[in-house]
Protein backbone atom coordinates (compact mmCIF):
# COMPACT_ATOMS: atom_id res chain seq x y z
CA MET A 1 18.13 -56.57 -79.88
CA GLU A 2 18.77 -55.64 -83.48
CA ILE A 3 21.54 -54.44 -85.73
CA THR A 4 21.49 -50.64 -85.78
CA GLU A 5 24.70 -49.79 -87.67
CA GLU A 6 24.52 -49.03 -91.40
CA ARG A 7 27.97 -50.61 -91.97
CA PHE A 8 29.33 -53.38 -89.77
CA ARG A 9 31.61 -56.45 -89.74
CA PRO A 10 29.66 -59.60 -88.87
CA ILE A 11 30.42 -63.26 -89.42
CA LEU A 12 28.27 -64.82 -92.15
CA VAL A 13 27.62 -68.53 -91.59
CA THR A 14 26.55 -70.54 -94.63
CA LYS A 15 25.98 -74.22 -95.33
CA GLY A 16 28.47 -75.64 -97.84
CA ARG A 17 26.88 -76.34 -101.19
CA LYS A 18 29.05 -79.46 -101.66
CA THR A 19 29.86 -80.66 -98.14
CA GLY A 20 26.79 -79.51 -96.22
CA LYS A 21 29.14 -78.32 -93.44
CA ARG A 22 28.92 -74.91 -91.79
CA HIS A 23 31.29 -72.27 -93.14
CA SER A 24 31.99 -68.97 -91.40
CA VAL A 25 33.51 -65.87 -92.95
CA TRP A 26 34.04 -62.39 -91.53
CA LEU A 27 32.74 -59.82 -94.03
CA ARG A 28 31.82 -56.18 -94.36
CA ALA A 29 28.03 -55.78 -94.44
CA VAL A 30 25.49 -53.04 -95.05
CA LYS A 31 22.08 -52.59 -93.48
CA TYR A 32 19.66 -50.86 -95.83
CA ASN A 33 15.84 -50.79 -95.77
CA GLU A 34 15.77 -53.30 -92.89
CA LYS A 35 17.76 -55.89 -94.85
CA ILE A 36 21.40 -56.97 -94.66
CA TYR A 37 23.61 -56.96 -97.75
CA PHE A 38 26.93 -58.62 -98.56
CA SER A 39 28.68 -57.92 -101.85
CA ARG A 40 31.74 -58.86 -103.88
CA HIS A 41 33.19 -58.31 -107.35
CA ARG A 42 32.13 -61.65 -108.85
CA PRO A 43 29.73 -64.42 -107.83
CA ASP A 44 32.49 -67.03 -107.70
CA GLY A 45 33.26 -66.83 -103.96
CA ASP A 46 32.38 -69.81 -101.79
CA TRP A 47 30.30 -67.83 -99.30
CA PHE A 48 28.32 -66.23 -102.14
CA GLN A 49 27.63 -69.52 -103.92
CA ASN A 50 26.83 -71.28 -100.64
CA ALA A 51 24.26 -68.63 -99.70
CA ILE A 52 22.58 -68.89 -103.11
CA THR A 53 22.47 -72.70 -103.03
CA ASN A 54 21.48 -72.95 -99.34
CA PRO A 55 19.74 -69.65 -98.54
CA GLU A 56 19.21 -70.26 -94.80
CA VAL A 57 22.09 -68.29 -93.24
CA ILE A 58 23.23 -67.06 -89.84
CA ILE A 59 24.71 -63.64 -89.09
CA GLN A 60 26.79 -63.44 -85.92
CA TYR A 61 27.33 -59.95 -84.56
CA ASN A 62 27.93 -58.45 -81.12
CA ASN A 63 27.58 -61.83 -79.38
CA MET A 64 24.18 -62.42 -81.01
CA GLU A 65 22.94 -64.64 -83.81
CA PHE A 66 20.42 -63.64 -86.43
CA THR A 67 18.95 -66.14 -88.84
CA GLY A 68 17.70 -65.19 -92.24
CA LYS A 69 17.16 -66.08 -95.85
CA ALA A 70 19.56 -65.04 -98.61
CA SER A 71 18.72 -64.13 -102.18
CA ARG A 72 20.78 -62.70 -105.00
CA VAL A 73 20.24 -59.04 -105.89
CA PHE A 74 19.62 -58.62 -109.62
CA ASP A 75 18.62 -54.93 -109.46
CA GLU A 76 21.70 -53.04 -110.74
CA LYS A 77 20.65 -49.77 -109.09
CA LEU A 78 20.39 -51.53 -105.72
CA ASN A 79 23.81 -53.15 -106.25
CA GLU A 80 25.24 -49.68 -106.92
CA LYS A 81 23.57 -48.28 -103.80
CA ILE A 82 24.97 -51.09 -101.65
CA SER A 83 28.50 -50.42 -102.96
CA GLN A 84 28.15 -46.71 -102.19
CA LEU A 85 26.96 -47.48 -98.66
CA LYS A 86 29.66 -50.11 -98.15
CA TYR A 87 32.52 -47.88 -99.32
CA PRO A 88 31.46 -44.25 -98.71
CA GLY A 89 33.80 -41.74 -100.32
CA GLU A 90 36.08 -44.47 -101.70
CA GLU A 91 36.90 -45.05 -105.35
CA ARG A 92 35.84 -48.70 -105.09
CA ALA A 93 32.28 -47.60 -104.33
CA ASN A 94 31.95 -47.15 -108.10
CA GLU A 95 33.11 -50.66 -108.99
CA LYS A 96 30.58 -53.15 -110.33
CA ARG A 97 29.59 -55.75 -107.72
CA VAL A 98 27.18 -58.57 -107.09
CA ALA A 99 25.27 -58.76 -103.81
CA ILE A 100 23.12 -60.98 -101.70
CA GLU A 101 20.25 -59.66 -99.63
CA ILE A 102 19.42 -61.22 -96.27
CA THR A 103 15.91 -60.97 -94.92
CA LEU A 104 16.21 -61.57 -91.20
CA ASP A 105 13.84 -63.87 -89.35
CA ASP A 106 12.00 -62.53 -86.33
CA ASN A 107 14.04 -64.57 -83.83
CA THR A 108 17.33 -63.61 -82.22
CA LYS A 109 19.64 -65.72 -80.05
């Protein structure tokens, strides 16, 4: 099974950068070019910093778990594209954001 929606609301599970404990957060995500993207206004959020520090993440969606590796997106054009896909037709689609890109592993639970 795979994620087929372009926009969806999964739970992102990260490993705490200070505690090492699992942290789960429900976020809006975008699937684009076979990768999953999460974005926010600034890189100061816990989930964002956790995923950068400990890039092995889990995405829980539709009673399934997907594992993958996170990396920060530095390409400004890609960040803009992700915002447009995340917020189609909304004013906030034009706001500057930072994003992480998740490359999913081949396994699914």
